[in-house]
Every structure is written in structure tokens, then in C-alpha cells.
Amino acid sequence: MKNSAVSDFTWRDVQKELYTVEEIAESDLRVALIGELIKARNEKGISQKRLEELSGVKQPMIARIESGKTLPQVNTLIKLLVPLGKTLAIVPNK
């Protein structure tokens, strides 16, 4: 028996009801950026503490960025990416 309180809507359906296309795109970009940062750190086998030592960005800030609780300024992001061997690039949207 299907619970009538449970809907067949996905999170994407709810997003479309609550947010503009631009807001969704911005959120998706943030999630992708954080995901790539975490991926790069993990691929290098670097802990957040070690990334602090290499970048000068405090570990609690790195944790807040990686958890999505805060969005880094561009200069902070660059400080994190350099020791990971990464850079920012501006590319066309899909």
C-alpha cells in the first residue's frame, strides 16, 4: 500500500517550484565546485589539516567549505586549489 503522505516528486521537481532557473544553476555550480575540490584533495591523499598547512586556509574553514556551509571567496578558493595542482577556468555552459 502506498503512503498518501509520500509524493512521487523528486528534489529537482521541488527545486523548480521554489527556485528560479538561475538560482538552480548557481546552486548546481556551487555543488560541482565543492565536489571537485573534495575530489582533488582526496586524489592527492591530503587531509584537511595538511591542506591548511599547504594553503594557509584554516582547517575549520576548509571543513565549512567542503560541507557547503560557506562559499569561499575567489582568493580563498585559489589558495586551496594551488597546492592541489588545480586552477579555476571560465568555460561555456553546457
PDB file of N, CA and C in Angstrom:
ATOM      1  N   MET A   1       0.842  -1.176   0.000  1.00  0.00           N
ATOM      2  CA  MET A   1       0.000   0.000   0.000  1.00  0.00           C
ATOM      3  C   MET A   1       0.890   1.244   0.000  1.00  0.00           C
ATOM      4  N   LYS A   2       0.566   2.189  -0.821  1.00  0.00           N
ATOM      5  CA  LYS A   2       1.334   3.411  -0.949  1.00  0.00           C
ATOM      6  C   LYS A   2       0.871   4.437   0.083  1.00  0.00           C
ATOM      7  N   ASN A   3       1.822   5.066   0.718  1.00  0.00           N
ATOM      8  CA  ASN A   3       1.529   6.096   1.713  1.00  0.00           C
ATOM      9  C   ASN A   3       1.131   7.368   0.976  1.00  0.00           C
ATOM     10  N   SER A   4      -0.059   7.873   1.249  1.00  0.00           N
ATOM     11  CA  SER A   4      -0.539   9.071   0.545  1.00  0.00           C
ATOM     12  C   SER A   4       0.233  10.323   0.948  1.00  0.00           C
ATOM     13  N   ALA A   5       0.958  10.252   2.062  1.00  0.00           N
ATOM     14  CA  ALA A   5       1.752  11.409   2.501  1.00  0.00           C
ATOM     15  C   ALA A   5       3.058  11.506   1.721  1.00  0.00           C
ATOM     16  N   VAL A   6       3.441  10.419   1.070  1.00  0.00           N
ATOM     17  CA  VAL A   6       4.679  10.398   0.303  1.00  0.00           C
ATOM     18  C   VAL A   6       4.350  10.701  -1.148  1.00  0.00           C
ATOM     19  N   SER A   7       5.095  11.620  -1.712  1.00  0.00           N
ATOM     20  CA  SER A   7       4.836  12.056  -3.074  1.00  0.00           C
ATOM     21  C   SER A   7       5.801  11.407  -4.057  1.00  0.00           C
ATOM     22  N   ASP A   8       5.471  11.456  -5.306  1.00  0.00           N
ATOM     23  CA  ASP A   8       6.347  10.959  -6.355  1.00  0.00           C
ATOM     24  C   ASP A   8       7.286  12.051  -6.865  1.00  0.00           C
ATOM     25  N   PHE A   9       7.256  13.218  -6.221  1.00  0.00           N
ATOM     26  CA  PHE A   9       8.106  14.318  -6.642  1.00  0.00           C
ATOM     27  C   PHE A   9       9.560  14.056  -6.270  1.00  0.00           C
ATOM     28  N   THR A  10      10.460  14.493  -7.130  1.00  0.00           N
ATOM     29  CA  THR A  10      11.886  14.426  -6.843  1.00  0.00           C
ATOM     30  C   THR A  10      12.329  15.764  -6.275  1.00  0.00           C
ATOM     31  N   TRP A  11      13.537  15.801  -5.745  1.00  0.00           N
ATOM     32  CA  TRP A  11      14.091  17.060  -5.238  1.00  0.00           C
ATOM     33  C   TRP A  11      14.149  18.090  -6.372  1.00  0.00           C
ATOM     34  N   ARG A  12      14.471  17.653  -7.576  1.00  0.00           N
ATOM     35  CA  ARG A  12      14.540  18.564  -8.722  1.00  0.00           C
ATOM     36  C   ARG A  12      13.169  19.185  -8.984  1.00  0.00           C
ATOM     37  N   ASP A  13      12.102  18.403  -8.849  1.00  0.00           N
ATOM     38  CA  ASP A  13      10.745  18.938  -9.013  1.00  0.00           C
ATOM     39  C   ASP A  13      10.459  20.020  -7.972  1.00  0.00           C
ATOM     40  N   VAL A  14      10.848  19.752  -6.740  1.00  0.00           N
ATOM     41  CA  VAL A  14      10.636  20.724  -5.659  1.00  0.00           C
ATOM     42  C   VAL A  14      11.456  21.980  -5.926  1.00  0.00           C
ATOM     43  N   GLN A  15      12.707  21.806  -6.350  1.00  0.00           N
ATOM     44  CA  GLN A  15      13.559  22.957  -6.670  1.00  0.00           C
ATOM     45  C   GLN A  15      12.889  23.856  -7.705  1.00  0.00           C
ATOM     46  N   LYS A  16      12.356  23.247  -8.736  1.00  0.00           N
ATOM     47  CA  LYS A  16      11.731  24.020  -9.813  1.00  0.00           C
ATOM     48  C   LYS A  16      10.545  24.829  -9.322  1.00  0.00           C
ATOM     49  N   GLU A  17       9.876  24.333  -8.278  1.00  0.00           N
ATOM     50  CA  GLU A  17       8.750  25.054  -7.694  1.00  0.00           C
ATOM     51  C   GLU A  17       9.205  26.203  -6.802  1.00  0.00           C
ATOM     52  N   LEU A  18      10.352  26.037  -6.163  1.00  0.00           N
ATOM     53  CA  LEU A  18      10.804  27.006  -5.160  1.00  0.00           C
ATOM     54  C   LEU A  18      11.811  28.028  -5.681  1.00  0.00           C
ATOM     55  N   TYR A  19      12.580  27.655  -6.692  1.00  0.00           N
ATOM     56  CA  TYR A  19      13.690  28.494  -7.135  1.00  0.00           C
ATOM     57  C   TYR A  19      13.601  28.812  -8.620  1.00  0.00           C
ATOM     58  N   THR A  20      14.265  29.905  -8.999  1.00  0.00           N
ATOM     59  CA  THR A  20      14.348  30.266 -10.411  1.00  0.00           C
ATOM     60  C   THR A  20      15.390  29.378 -11.091  1.00  0.00           C
ATOM     61  N   VAL A  21      15.356  29.365 -12.391  1.00  0.00           N
ATOM     62  CA  VAL A  21      16.336  28.605 -13.173  1.00  0.00           C
ATOM     63  C   VAL A  21      17.752  29.081 -12.839  1.00  0.00           C
ATOM     64  N   GLU A  22      17.912  30.377 -12.683  1.00  0.00           N
ATOM     65  CA  GLU A  22      19.221  30.949 -12.363  1.00  0.00           C
ATOM     66  C   GLU A  22      19.707  30.493 -10.991  1.00  0.00           C
ATOM     67  N   GLU A  23      18.803  30.468 -10.019  1.00  0.00           N
ATOM     68  CA  GLU A  23      19.181  30.036  -8.668  1.00  0.00           C
ATOM     69  C   GLU A  23      19.572  28.559  -8.650  1.00  0.00           C
ATOM     70  N   ILE A  24      18.865  27.758  -9.416  1.00  0.00           N
ATOM     71  CA  ILE A  24      19.191  26.334  -9.503  1.00  0.00           C
ATOM     72  C   ILE A  24      20.556  26.150 -10.166  1.00  0.00           C
ATOM     73  N   ALA A  25      20.810  26.883 -11.228  1.00  0.00           N
ATOM     74  CA  ALA A  25      22.097  26.790 -11.925  1.00  0.00           C
ATOM     75  C   ALA A  25      23.244  27.209 -11.003  1.00  0.00           C
ATOM     76  N   GLU A  26      23.039  28.271 -10.236  1.00  0.00           N
ATOM     77  CA  GLU A  26      24.063  28.738  -9.299  1.00  0.00           C
ATOM     78  C   GLU A  26      24.324  27.683  -8.226  1.00  0.00           C
ATOM     79  N   SER A  27      23.273  27.088  -7.713  1.00  0.00           N
ATOM     80  CA  SER A  27      23.417  26.039  -6.702  1.00  0.00           C
ATOM     81  C   SER A  27      24.144  24.824  -7.274  1.00  0.00           C
ATOM     82  N   ASP A  28      23.783  24.419  -8.473  1.00  0.00           N
ATOM     83  CA  ASP A  28      24.442  23.284  -9.123  1.00  0.00           C
ATOM     84  C   ASP A  28      25.931  23.552  -9.318  1.00  0.00           C
ATOM     85  N   LEU A  29      26.264  24.784  -9.688  1.00  0.00           N
ATOM     86  CA  LEU A  29      27.667  25.148  -9.882  1.00  0.00           C
ATOM     87  C   LEU A  29      28.425  25.077  -8.560  1.00  0.00           C
ATOM     88  N   ARG A  30      27.808  25.580  -7.491  1.00  0.00           N
ATOM     89  CA  ARG A  30      28.439  25.516  -6.162  1.00  0.00           C
ATOM     90  C   ARG A  30      28.702  24.070  -5.756  1.00  0.00           C
ATOM     91  N   VAL A  31      27.704  23.215  -5.937  1.00  0.00           N
ATOM     92  CA  VAL A  31      27.846  21.806  -5.571  1.00  0.00           C
ATOM     93  C   VAL A  31      28.961  21.154  -6.392  1.00  0.00           C
ATOM     94  N   ALA A  32      29.007  21.438  -7.677  1.00  0.00           N
ATOM     95  CA  ALA A  32      30.048  20.873  -8.538  1.00  0.00           C
ATOM     96  C   ALA A  32      31.432  21.365  -8.118  1.00  0.00           C
ATOM     97  N   LEU A  33      31.536  22.634  -7.790  1.00  0.00           N
ATOM     98  CA  LEU A  33      32.813  23.218  -7.380  1.00  0.00           C
ATOM     99  C   LEU A  33      33.316  22.561  -6.099  1.00  0.00           C
ATOM    100  N   ILE A  34      32.441  22.445  -5.111  1.00  0.00           N
ATOM    101  CA  ILE A  34      32.823  21.816  -3.844  1.00  0.00           C
ATOM    102  C   ILE A  34      33.196  20.352  -4.079  1.00  0.00           C
ATOM    103  N   GLY A  35      32.418  19.677  -4.909  1.00  0.00           N
ATOM    104  CA  GLY A  35      32.720  18.282  -5.224  1.00  0.00           C
ATOM    105  C   GLY A  35      34.089  18.110  -5.852  1.00  0.00           C
ATOM    106  N   GLU A  36      34.437  19.005  -6.763  1.00  0.00           N
ATOM    107  CA  GLU A  36      35.750  18.936  -7.421  1.00  0.00           C
ATOM    108  C   GLU A  36      36.882  19.242  -6.438  1.00  0.00           C
ATOM    109  N   LEU A  37      36.651  20.155  -5.528  1.00  0.00           N
ATOM    110  CA  LEU A  37      37.650  20.481  -4.511  1.00  0.00           C
ATOM    111  C   LEU A  37      37.908  19.255  -3.630  1.00  0.00           C
ATOM    112  N   ILE A  38      36.842  18.634  -3.158  1.00  0.00           N
ATOM    113  CA  ILE A  38      36.970  17.434  -2.317  1.00  0.00           C
ATOM    114  C   ILE A  38      37.653  16.311  -3.096  1.00  0.00           C
ATOM    115  N   LYS A  39      37.244  16.123  -4.334  1.00  0.00           N
ATOM    116  CA  LYS A  39      37.826  15.077  -5.183  1.00  0.00           C
ATOM    117  C   LYS A  39      39.327  15.293  -5.359  1.00  0.00           C
ATOM    118  N   ALA A  40      39.728  16.537  -5.644  1.00  0.00           N
ATOM    119  CA  ALA A  40      41.143  16.840  -5.845  1.00  0.00           C
ATOM    120  C   ALA A  40      41.941  16.578  -4.565  1.00  0.00           C
ATOM    121  N   ARG A  41      41.388  16.965  -3.425  1.00  0.00           N
ATOM    122  CA  ARG A  41      42.080  16.745  -2.153  1.00  0.00           C
ATOM    123  C   ARG A  41      42.217  15.255  -1.885  1.00  0.00           C
ATOM    124  N   ASN A  42      41.158  14.498  -2.105  1.00  0.00           N
ATOM    125  CA  ASN A  42      41.199  13.056  -1.880  1.00  0.00           C
ATOM    126  C   ASN A  42      42.151  12.353  -2.844  1.00  0.00           C
ATOM    127  N   GLU A  43      42.167  12.781  -4.098  1.00  0.00           N
ATOM    128  CA  GLU A  43      43.070  12.178  -5.083  1.00  0.00           C
ATOM    129  C   GLU A  43      44.534  12.376  -4.695  1.00  0.00           C
ATOM    130  N   LYS A  44      44.828  13.513  -4.070  1.00  0.00           N
ATOM    131  CA  LYS A  44      46.195  13.796  -3.614  1.00  0.00           C
ATOM    132  C   LYS A  44      46.486  13.115  -2.282  1.00  0.00           C
ATOM    133  N   GLY A  45      45.445  12.586  -1.633  1.00  0.00           N
ATOM    134  CA  GLY A  45      45.639  11.949  -0.335  1.00  0.00           C
ATOM    135  C   GLY A  45      45.987  12.944   0.757  1.00  0.00           C
ATOM    136  N   ILE A  46      45.445  14.150   0.629  1.00  0.00           N
ATOM    137  CA  ILE A  46      45.753  15.227   1.564  1.00  0.00           C
ATOM    138  C   ILE A  46      44.590  15.416   2.529  1.00  0.00           C
ATOM    139  N   SER A  47      44.889  15.457   3.815  1.00  0.00           N
ATOM    140  CA  SER A  47      43.856  15.724   4.816  1.00  0.00           C
ATOM    141  C   SER A  47      43.536  17.218   4.808  1.00  0.00           C
ATOM    142  N   GLN A  48      42.428  17.567   5.430  1.00  0.00           N
ATOM    143  CA  GLN A  48      42.090  18.990   5.565  1.00  0.00           C
ATOM    144  C   GLN A  48      43.176  19.716   6.346  1.00  0.00           C
ATOM    145  N   LYS A  49      43.732  19.076   7.362  1.00  0.00           N
ATOM    146  CA  LYS A  49      44.793  19.690   8.175  1.00  0.00           C
ATOM    147  C   LYS A  49      46.032  19.942   7.320  1.00  0.00           C
ATOM    148  N   ARG A  50      46.386  18.976   6.488  1.00  0.00           N
ATOM    149  CA  ARG A  50      47.554  19.143   5.610  1.00  0.00           C
ATOM    150  C   ARG A  50      47.289  20.239   4.586  1.00  0.00           C
ATOM    151  N   LEU A  51      46.065  20.305   4.074  1.00  0.00           N
ATOM    152  CA  LEU A  51      45.723  21.370   3.124  1.00  0.00           C
ATOM    153  C   LEU A  51      45.816  22.731   3.803  1.00  0.00           C
ATOM    154  N   GLU A  52      45.471  22.796   5.074  1.00  0.00           N
ATOM    155  CA  GLU A  52      45.660  24.042   5.830  1.00  0.00           C
ATOM    156  C   GLU A  52      47.129  24.444   5.820  1.00  0.00           C
ATOM    157  N   GLU A  53      48.004  23.496   6.105  1.00  0.00           N
ATOM    158  CA  GLU A  53      49.450  23.778   6.134  1.00  0.00           C
ATOM    159  C   GLU A  53      49.961  24.244   4.776  1.00  0.00           C
ATOM    160  N   LEU A  54      49.457  23.648   3.714  1.00  0.00           N
ATOM    161  CA  LEU A  54      49.915  23.976   2.366  1.00  0.00           C
ATOM    162  C   LEU A  54      49.312  25.269   1.818  1.00  0.00           C
ATOM    163  N   SER A  55      48.087  25.577   2.236  1.00  0.00           N
ATOM    164  CA  SER A  55      47.369  26.710   1.639  1.00  0.00           C
ATOM    165  C   SER A  55      47.293  27.947   2.524  1.00  0.00           C
ATOM    166  N   GLY A  56      47.405  27.742   3.829  1.00  0.00           N
ATOM    167  CA  GLY A  56      47.222  28.856   4.752  1.00  0.00           C
ATOM    168  C   GLY A  56      45.771  29.104   5.125  1.00  0.00           C
ATOM    169  N   VAL A  57      44.864  28.317   4.569  1.00  0.00           N
ATOM    170  CA  VAL A  57      43.440  28.417   4.894  1.00  0.00           C
ATOM    171  C   VAL A  57      43.187  27.482   6.074  1.00  0.00           C
ATOM    172  N   LYS A  58      42.618  27.992   7.136  1.00  0.00           N
ATOM    173  CA  LYS A  58      42.404  27.213   8.353  1.00  0.00           C
ATOM    174  C   LYS A  58      41.505  25.996   8.106  1.00  0.00           C
ATOM    175  N   GLN A  59      41.831  24.896   8.780  1.00  0.00           N
ATOM    176  CA  GLN A  59      41.087  23.651   8.611  1.00  0.00           C
ATOM    177  C   GLN A  59      39.594  23.806   8.878  1.00  0.00           C
ATOM    178  N   PRO A  60      39.173  24.537   9.925  1.00  0.00           N
ATOM    179  CA  PRO A  60      37.724  24.688  10.119  1.00  0.00           C
ATOM    180  C   PRO A  60      37.031  25.373   8.927  1.00  0.00           C
ATOM    181  N   MET A  61      37.714  26.300   8.283  1.00  0.00           N
ATOM    182  CA  MET A  61      37.163  26.954   7.095  1.00  0.00           C
ATOM    183  C   MET A  61      37.058  25.949   5.948  1.00  0.00           C
ATOM    184  N   ILE A  62      38.087  25.117   5.791  1.00  0.00           N
ATOM    185  CA  ILE A  62      38.062  24.091   4.751  1.00  0.00           C
ATOM    186  C   ILE A  62      36.874  23.154   4.987  1.00  0.00           C
ATOM    187  N   ALA A  63      36.665  22.772   6.240  1.00  0.00           N
ATOM    188  CA  ALA A  63      35.537  21.888   6.575  1.00  0.00           C
ATOM    189  C   ALA A  63      34.208  22.558   6.258  1.00  0.00           C
ATOM    190  N   ARG A  64      34.073  23.846   6.563  1.00  0.00           N
ATOM    191  CA  ARG A  64      32.820  24.557   6.267  1.00  0.00           C
ATOM    192  C   ARG A  64      32.592  24.663   4.765  1.00  0.00           C
ATOM    193  N   ILE A  65      33.662  24.886   4.020  1.00  0.00           N
ATOM    194  CA  ILE A  65      33.551  24.959   2.559  1.00  0.00           C
ATOM    195  C   ILE A  65      33.128  23.594   2.008  1.00  0.00           C
ATOM    196  N   GLU A  66      33.816  22.541   2.447  1.00  0.00           N
ATOM    197  CA  GLU A  66      33.534  21.203   1.929  1.00  0.00           C
ATOM    198  C   GLU A  66      32.141  20.702   2.315  1.00  0.00           C
ATOM    199  N   SER A  67      31.624  21.174   3.427  1.00  0.00           N
ATOM    200  CA  SER A  67      30.281  20.749   3.842  1.00  0.00           C
ATOM    201  C   SER A  67      29.193  21.612   3.220  1.00  0.00           C
ATOM    202  N   GLY A  68      29.597  22.672   2.516  1.00  0.00           N
ATOM    203  CA  GLY A  68      28.624  23.550   1.878  1.00  0.00           C
ATOM    204  C   GLY A  68      28.044  24.596   2.811  1.00  0.00           C
ATOM    205  N   LYS A  69      28.596  24.717   4.003  1.00  0.00           N
ATOM    206  CA  LYS A  69      28.086  25.686   4.967  1.00  0.00           C
ATOM    207  C   LYS A  69      28.515  27.106   4.652  1.00  0.00           C
ATOM    208  N   THR A  70      29.593  27.228   3.882  1.00  0.00           N
ATOM    209  CA  THR A  70      30.048  28.557   3.469  1.00  0.00           C
ATOM    210  C   THR A  70      30.599  28.470   2.059  1.00  0.00           C
ATOM    211  N   LEU A  71      30.484  29.551   1.328  1.00  0.00           N
ATOM    212  CA  LEU A  71      31.010  29.632  -0.024  1.00  0.00           C
ATOM    213  C   LEU A  71      32.287  30.458   0.016  1.00  0.00           C
ATOM    214  N   PRO A  72      33.399  29.915  -0.454  1.00  0.00           N
ATOM    215  CA  PRO A  72      34.665  30.644  -0.354  1.00  0.00           C
ATOM    216  C   PRO A  72      34.732  31.817  -1.324  1.00  0.00           C
ATOM    217  N   GLN A  73      35.485  32.815  -0.909  1.00  0.00           N
ATOM    218  CA  GLN A  73      35.805  33.898  -1.832  1.00  0.00           C
ATOM    219  C   GLN A  73      36.787  33.341  -2.863  1.00  0.00           C
ATOM    220  N   VAL A  74      36.893  34.003  -3.982  1.00  0.00           N
ATOM    221  CA  VAL A  74      37.752  33.511  -5.063  1.00  0.00           C
ATOM    222  C   VAL A  74      39.191  33.365  -4.595  1.00  0.00           C
ATOM    223  N   ASN A  75      39.707  34.339  -3.845  1.00  0.00           N
ATOM    224  CA  ASN A  75      41.104  34.248  -3.406  1.00  0.00           C
ATOM    225  C   ASN A  75      41.314  33.054  -2.471  1.00  0.00           C
ATOM    226  N   THR A  76      40.335  32.728  -1.648  1.00  0.00           N
ATOM    227  CA  THR A  76      40.435  31.564  -0.774  1.00  0.00           C
ATOM    228  C   THR A  76      40.419  30.289  -1.609  1.00  0.00           C
ATOM    229  N   LEU A  77      39.558  30.241  -2.576  1.00  0.00           N
ATOM    230  CA  LEU A  77      39.477  29.078  -3.451  1.00  0.00           C
ATOM    231  C   LEU A  77      40.797  28.854  -4.183  1.00  0.00           C
ATOM    232  N   ILE A  78      41.396  29.915  -4.662  1.00  0.00           N
ATOM    233  CA  ILE A  78      42.683  29.803  -5.353  1.00  0.00           C
ATOM    234  C   ILE A  78      43.756  29.285  -4.402  1.00  0.00           C
ATOM    235  N   LYS A  79      43.765  29.789  -3.168  1.00  0.00           N
ATOM    236  CA  LYS A  79      44.727  29.309  -2.165  1.00  0.00           C
ATOM    237  C   LYS A  79      44.586  27.806  -1.939  1.00  0.00           C
ATOM    238  N   LEU A  80      43.356  27.309  -1.985  1.00  0.00           N
ATOM    239  CA  LEU A  80      43.117  25.878  -1.789  1.00  0.00           C
ATOM    240  C   LEU A  80      43.497  25.063  -3.020  1.00  0.00           C
ATOM    241  N   LEU A  81      43.250  25.598  -4.195  1.00  0.00           N
ATOM    242  CA  LEU A  81      43.483  24.852  -5.432  1.00  0.00           C
ATOM    243  C   LEU A  81      44.954  24.731  -5.799  1.00  0.00           C
ATOM    244  N   VAL A  82      45.747  25.753  -5.525  1.00  0.00           N
ATOM    245  CA  VAL A  82      47.154  25.743  -5.932  1.00  0.00           C
ATOM    246  C   VAL A  82      47.910  24.532  -5.385  1.00  0.00           C
ATOM    247  N   PRO A  83      47.861  24.243  -4.074  1.00  0.00           N
ATOM    248  CA  PRO A  83      48.589  23.061  -3.601  1.00  0.00           C
ATOM    249  C   PRO A  83      48.004  21.731  -4.090  1.00  0.00           C
ATOM    250  N   LEU A  84      46.799  21.777  -4.607  1.00  0.00           N
ATOM    251  CA  LEU A  84      46.178  20.575  -5.164  1.00  0.00           C
ATOM    252  C   LEU A  84      46.509  20.408  -6.642  1.00  0.00           C
ATOM    253  N   GLY A  85      47.268  21.365  -7.184  1.00  0.00           N
ATOM    254  CA  GLY A  85      47.648  21.302  -8.597  1.00  0.00           C
ATOM    255  C   GLY A  85      46.505  21.643  -9.531  1.00  0.00           C
ATOM    256  N   LYS A  86      45.567  22.448  -9.048  1.00  0.00           N
ATOM    257  CA  LYS A  86      44.389  22.816  -9.833  1.00  0.00           C
ATOM    258  C   LYS A  86      44.319  24.324 -10.003  1.00  0.00           C
ATOM    259  N   THR A  87      43.467  24.747 -10.949  1.00  0.00           N
ATOM    260  CA  THR A  87      43.238  26.155 -11.179  1.00  0.00           C
ATOM    261  C   THR A  87      41.772  26.363 -11.521  1.00  0.00           C
ATOM    262  N   LEU A  88      41.350  27.601 -11.548  1.00  0.00           N
ATOM    263  CA  LEU A  88      39.994  27.925 -11.992  1.00  0.00           C
ATOM    264  C   LEU A  88      40.015  28.205 -13.478  1.00  0.00           C
ATOM    265  N   ALA A  89      38.931  27.895 -14.134  1.00  0.00           N
ATOM    266  CA  ALA A  89      38.800  28.195 -15.552  1.00  0.00           C
ATOM    267  C   ALA A  89      37.382  28.658 -15.813  1.00  0.00           C
ATOM    268  N   ILE A  90      37.233  29.563 -16.733  1.00  0.00           N
ATOM    269  CA  ILE A  90      35.902  30.011 -17.155  1.00  0.00           C
ATOM    270  C   ILE A  90      35.644  29.343 -18.502  1.00  0.00           C
ATOM    271  N   VAL A  91      34.584  28.532 -18.509  1.00  0.00           N
ATOM    272  CA  VAL A  91      34.246  27.768 -19.706  1.00  0.00           C
ATOM    273  C   VAL A  91      32.766  27.987 -20.030  1.00  0.00           C
ATOM    274  N   PRO A  92      32.388  27.777 -21.275  1.00  0.00           N
ATOM    275  CA  PRO A  92      30.969  27.940 -21.625  1.00  0.00           C
ATOM    276  C   PRO A  92      30.096  26.927 -20.895  1.00  0.00           C
ATOM    277  N   ASN A  93      28.874  27.318 -20.601  1.00  0.00           N
ATOM    278  CA  ASN A  93      27.896  26.393 -20.037  1.00  0.00           C
ATOM    279  C   ASN A  93      27.562  25.329 -21.055  1.00  0.00           C
ATOM    280  N   LYS A  94      27.075  24.208 -20.566  1.00  0.00           N
ATOM    281  CA  LYS A  94      26.673  23.117 -21.473  1.00  0.00           C
ATOM    282  C   LYS A  94      25.456  23.501 -22.259  1.00  0.00           C
TER     283      LYS A  94
END
